[in-house]
Amino acid sequence: MVATDIDLQKVSKRFGALVALHPTELSIPKGQYVLIIGSNGAGKTTLLRLTAGVSRPSSGQVLICGQDLRTNTDCRANIGLLSHHSMLYEDLTAEENLLFFSKLYSVEEANLKIERSLELIGLSRWRHRKINGFSRGMRQRLAIARATIHNPPIILLDEPYTGLDPMARKTLQNLLIQLKDHGHTFLMATHRLEEAAPLADRVIVIESGSIVFDQTWQGTGRDLVKLFEVRKEQIL
């Protein structure tokens, strides 16, 4: 039996009369890289926030590594979240930011892991610089390190390529490939289909708060763009 890292059981989310996510069933096995695509406002971010435990479902149950996220908050340590907000502290250095989150998650051998992480993301030479002077690309790389410093089995990514120049996107891509090779489970929402397609094992299309497509994936970025366009035409 394949171990399941993420299991959404009839999970929904309402904001008053607005249904952001209709009752959703989603099971993601350990080590799978799942890509979520959809139009703006389709429900991608809502789905990620519910999976991360940042938002509570209106109905249904979110299981992380077999544990109910509402009743067992400790299982949130199994998740690394990269959202629209970097969750970094402007007046701290790159190293101090990672040290803070290492203490938050009780990371063992934190100094060694921080050193390796900074080297992996290419920020070792800027480790003692406050991040209020960092570029968008540098912040995004540090945010990835922040989200993974505790080596979570599950990594959630919400538009990780946004605002990055080509060099920064390449650096991020190489980092994600390395993390994937180490067996992490990924759930990523992005509009950057060319970059995302080579990483994906599975593609989900979500529109108007419902999953309308869910299949394994081995295609190119161009194939993914075509799939998305076809699905939008069918819905419209």
Protein backbone atom coordinates (compact mmCIF):
# COMPACT_ATOMS: atom_id res chain seq x y z
CA MET A 1 0.00 0.00 0.00
CA VAL A 2 1.40 3.41 -1.03
CA ALA A 3 1.85 5.87 1.85
CA THR A 4 -0.23 9.03 1.52
CA ASP A 5 1.23 12.37 2.62
CA ILE A 6 -1.78 14.57 1.79
CA ASP A 7 -5.40 13.48 2.00
CA LEU A 8 -8.29 15.92 1.59
CA GLN A 9 -11.66 14.35 2.44
CA LYS A 10 -14.64 16.36 1.15
CA VAL A 11 -12.86 19.59 2.07
CA SER A 12 -14.66 22.84 1.24
CA LYS A 13 -14.22 26.52 2.00
CA ARG A 14 -16.83 29.27 2.11
CA PHE A 15 -16.49 32.99 2.72
CA GLY A 16 -20.06 33.94 3.51
CA ALA A 17 -22.11 33.20 0.40
CA LEU A 18 -18.98 32.76 -1.71
CA VAL A 19 -17.83 29.19 -2.26
CA ALA A 20 -14.04 29.36 -2.74
CA LEU A 21 -13.65 25.57 -2.83
CA HIS A 22 -16.42 23.03 -3.38
CA PRO A 23 -16.22 19.69 -1.47
CA THR A 24 -12.95 18.22 -2.72
CA GLU A 25 -11.39 14.78 -2.54
CA LEU A 26 -7.63 14.73 -3.13
CA SER A 27 -5.03 12.12 -2.21
CA ILE A 28 -1.32 12.65 -2.86
CA PRO A 29 1.10 9.77 -2.24
CA LYS A 30 4.53 10.20 -0.73
CA GLY A 31 7.14 11.58 -3.14
CA GLN A 32 4.73 12.78 -5.83
CA TYR A 33 5.15 16.20 -7.45
CA VAL A 34 1.67 17.60 -8.13
CA LEU A 35 1.10 20.74 -10.15
CA ILE A 36 -2.10 22.79 -9.78
CA ILE A 37 -3.07 25.10 -12.63
CA GLY A 38 -6.11 27.31 -13.10
CA SER A 39 -7.27 30.86 -13.77
CA ASN A 40 -6.88 33.65 -11.25
CA GLY A 41 -9.44 33.15 -8.49
CA ALA A 42 -10.03 29.51 -9.41
CA GLY A 43 -9.25 28.25 -5.90
CA LYS A 44 -5.56 27.30 -6.13
CA THR A 45 -4.38 29.42 -3.21
CA THR A 46 -7.40 28.40 -1.11
CA LEU A 47 -6.55 24.74 -1.66
CA LEU A 48 -2.92 25.31 -0.65
CA ARG A 49 -3.86 27.32 2.45
CA LEU A 50 -6.25 24.60 3.59
CA THR A 51 -3.59 21.94 3.04
CA ALA A 52 -1.06 23.98 5.01
CA GLY A 53 -3.44 24.54 7.90
CA VAL A 54 -3.27 28.31 7.44
CA SER A 55 -7.01 28.33 6.75
CA ARG A 56 -9.62 26.09 8.37
CA PRO A 57 -12.03 24.19 6.12
CA SER A 58 -15.73 24.98 6.26
CA SER A 59 -16.34 21.24 6.02
CA GLY A 60 -14.34 18.08 5.55
CA GLN A 61 -11.04 16.83 6.90
CA VAL A 62 -7.38 17.48 6.01
CA LEU A 63 -4.98 14.66 6.83
CA ILE A 64 -1.22 15.25 6.76
CA CYS A 65 0.85 12.07 6.96
CA GLY A 66 -2.25 10.36 8.29
CA GLN A 67 -2.94 12.92 11.04
CA ASP A 68 -5.93 15.29 11.23
CA LEU A 69 -4.57 18.82 10.82
CA ARG A 70 -7.28 20.33 13.05
CA THR A 71 -6.79 18.06 16.06
CA ASN A 72 -3.04 17.41 15.76
CA THR A 73 -1.32 20.74 15.16
CA ASP A 74 2.10 19.12 15.64
CA CYS A 75 1.77 17.53 12.21
CA ARG A 76 2.21 21.01 10.67
CA ALA A 77 5.93 20.45 11.18
CA ASN A 78 5.67 18.02 8.26
CA ILE A 79 4.88 20.97 5.97
CA GLY A 80 7.08 23.60 4.36
CA LEU A 81 5.05 26.48 2.89
CA LEU A 82 6.20 29.05 0.34
CA SER A 83 3.34 31.50 -0.19
CA HIS A 84 2.92 35.01 -1.60
CA HIS A 85 4.42 36.26 1.67
CA SER A 86 8.06 35.33 2.28
CA MET A 87 7.53 35.11 6.09
CA LEU A 88 11.04 36.56 6.47
CA TYR A 89 12.10 39.29 8.90
CA GLU A 90 13.46 42.41 7.19
CA ASP A 91 15.78 43.51 10.00
CA LEU A 92 17.44 40.10 10.34
CA THR A 93 20.27 38.76 8.22
CA ALA A 94 19.83 35.74 5.98
CA GLU A 95 21.55 33.56 8.57
CA GLU A 96 19.53 35.01 11.46
CA ASN A 97 16.26 34.34 9.62
CA LEU A 98 17.16 30.70 9.13
CA LEU A 99 18.38 30.41 12.73
CA PHE A 100 15.05 31.78 13.99
CA PHE A 101 13.01 29.22 12.02
CA SER A 102 15.44 26.46 12.98
CA LYS A 103 14.74 27.17 16.65
CA LEU A 104 11.01 27.37 15.94
CA TYR A 105 11.10 23.81 14.56
CA SER A 106 13.75 22.53 17.04
CA VAL A 107 16.13 21.65 14.21
CA GLU A 108 19.10 19.60 15.37
CA GLU A 109 22.59 20.64 14.21
CA ALA A 110 21.01 23.90 13.06
CA ASN A 111 24.25 25.77 12.29
CA LEU A 112 25.47 23.01 10.00
CA LYS A 113 22.13 22.76 8.21
CA ILE A 114 21.94 26.54 7.80
CA GLU A 115 25.41 26.58 6.28
CA ARG A 116 24.49 23.83 3.82
CA SER A 117 21.19 25.49 2.99
CA LEU A 118 22.79 28.88 2.29
CA GLU A 119 25.34 27.20 0.05
CA LEU A 120 22.61 25.28 -1.80
CA ILE A 121 20.63 28.45 -2.57
CA GLY A 122 23.73 30.45 -3.46
CA LEU A 123 23.54 32.99 -0.61
CA SER A 124 26.57 32.04 1.50
CA ARG A 125 28.43 35.27 0.71
CA TRP A 126 25.40 37.32 1.82
CA ARG A 127 24.69 35.35 5.00
CA HIS A 128 25.47 38.31 7.30
CA ARG A 129 23.54 40.90 5.27
CA LYS A 130 20.10 42.09 6.35
CA ILE A 131 17.51 41.01 3.85
CA ASN A 132 15.92 44.46 3.48
CA GLY A 133 18.54 45.00 0.78
CA PHE A 134 17.92 41.68 -1.01
CA SER A 135 16.55 41.44 -4.53
CA ARG A 136 13.28 39.60 -5.23
CA GLY A 137 15.22 36.56 -6.42
CA MET A 138 17.43 36.46 -3.32
CA ARG A 139 14.40 36.75 -1.06
CA GLN A 140 12.63 33.93 -2.88
CA ARG A 141 15.62 31.63 -2.58
CA LEU A 142 15.92 32.43 1.13
CA ALA A 143 12.18 31.83 1.54
CA ILE A 144 12.65 28.37 0.01
CA ALA A 145 15.44 27.70 2.51
CA ARG A 146 13.19 28.95 5.33
CA ALA A 147 10.40 26.62 4.21
CA THR A 148 12.67 23.58 4.03
CA ILE A 149 15.20 24.14 6.85
CA HIS A 150 13.38 21.58 9.02
CA ASN A 151 13.43 19.03 6.18
CA PRO A 152 9.64 18.65 5.91
CA PRO A 153 8.38 15.69 3.87
CA ILE A 154 5.75 17.96 2.25
CA ILE A 155 6.49 21.22 0.40
CA LEU A 156 3.69 23.56 -0.69
CA LEU A 157 4.50 26.24 -3.27
CA ASP A 158 2.22 29.11 -4.32
CA GLU A 159 3.54 30.88 -7.45
CA PRO A 160 7.22 30.39 -6.55
CA TYR A 161 8.51 31.86 -9.86
CA THR A 162 6.64 35.16 -9.57
CA GLY A 163 8.87 38.22 -10.00
CA LEU A 164 12.07 36.26 -10.64
CA ASP A 165 14.49 37.09 -13.43
CA PRO A 166 15.69 34.24 -15.73
CA MET A 167 18.81 33.56 -13.66
CA ALA A 168 16.86 33.43 -10.39
CA ARG A 169 14.26 31.14 -11.97
CA LYS A 170 17.01 28.78 -13.10
CA THR A 171 18.52 28.72 -9.61
CA LEU A 172 15.12 28.01 -8.08
CA GLN A 173 14.43 25.30 -10.65
CA ASN A 174 17.69 23.51 -9.84
CA LEU A 175 16.89 23.72 -6.14
CA LEU A 176 13.42 22.21 -6.64
CA ILE A 177 14.90 19.39 -8.73
CA GLN A 178 17.34 18.56 -5.93
CA LEU A 179 14.55 18.55 -3.36
CA LYS A 180 12.42 16.34 -5.59
CA ASP A 181 15.30 13.90 -5.98
CA HIS A 182 15.42 13.64 -2.18
CA GLY A 183 11.86 12.30 -2.13
CA HIS A 184 9.85 15.29 -0.92
CA THR A 185 6.15 15.49 -1.75
CA PHE A 186 5.21 18.66 -3.65
CA LEU A 187 2.00 20.55 -4.27
CA MET A 188 2.66 23.60 -6.46
CA ALA A 189 0.36 26.26 -7.91
CA THR A 190 1.85 28.35 -10.71
CA HIS A 191 1.20 30.12 -14.00
CA ARG A 192 4.80 29.45 -15.13
CA LEU A 193 3.89 26.28 -17.00
CA GLU A 194 7.12 26.05 -19.03
CA GLU A 195 9.21 25.76 -15.86
CA ALA A 196 6.74 23.65 -13.93
CA ALA A 197 5.97 20.98 -16.54
CA PRO A 198 9.30 19.08 -16.36
CA LEU A 199 8.94 18.68 -12.58
CA ALA A 200 5.37 17.43 -12.49
CA ASP A 201 4.36 13.79 -11.99
CA ARG A 202 0.70 14.78 -11.95
CA VAL A 203 -1.38 17.75 -13.09
CA ILE A 204 -4.58 19.08 -11.54
CA VAL A 205 -6.70 21.76 -13.17
CA ILE A 206 -9.00 23.69 -10.86
CA GLU A 207 -11.69 26.11 -12.00
CA SER A 208 -14.43 27.89 -10.04
CA GLY A 209 -13.46 26.04 -6.88
CA SER A 210 -13.65 22.52 -8.36
CA ILE A 211 -11.07 20.07 -9.68
CA VAL A 212 -11.95 19.54 -13.35
CA PHE A 213 -8.88 17.54 -14.42
CA ASP A 214 -6.54 15.21 -12.51
CA GLN A 215 -4.06 12.93 -14.31
CA THR A 216 -0.47 11.74 -14.25
CA TRP A 217 1.83 13.87 -16.41
CA GLN A 218 4.85 13.37 -18.66
CA GLY A 219 4.40 16.19 -21.17
CA THR A 220 6.30 19.39 -22.01
CA GLY A 221 5.54 22.95 -21.06
CA ARG A 222 3.94 23.50 -24.44
CA ASP A 223 1.70 20.47 -23.89
CA LEU A 224 0.69 21.88 -20.53
CA VAL A 225 -0.18 25.28 -21.99
CA LYS A 226 -2.33 23.56 -24.63
CA LEU A 227 -4.07 21.45 -21.97
CA PHE A 228 -4.89 24.54 -19.93
CA GLU A 229 -6.25 26.41 -22.95
CA VAL A 230 -8.42 23.44 -23.94
CA ARG A 231 -9.83 23.09 -20.43
CA LYS A 232 -10.68 26.83 -20.29
CA GLU A 233 -12.49 26.60 -23.65
CA GLN A 234 -14.50 23.62 -22.47
CA ILE A 235 -15.53 25.44 -19.30
CA LEU A 236 -16.41 28.66 -21.12
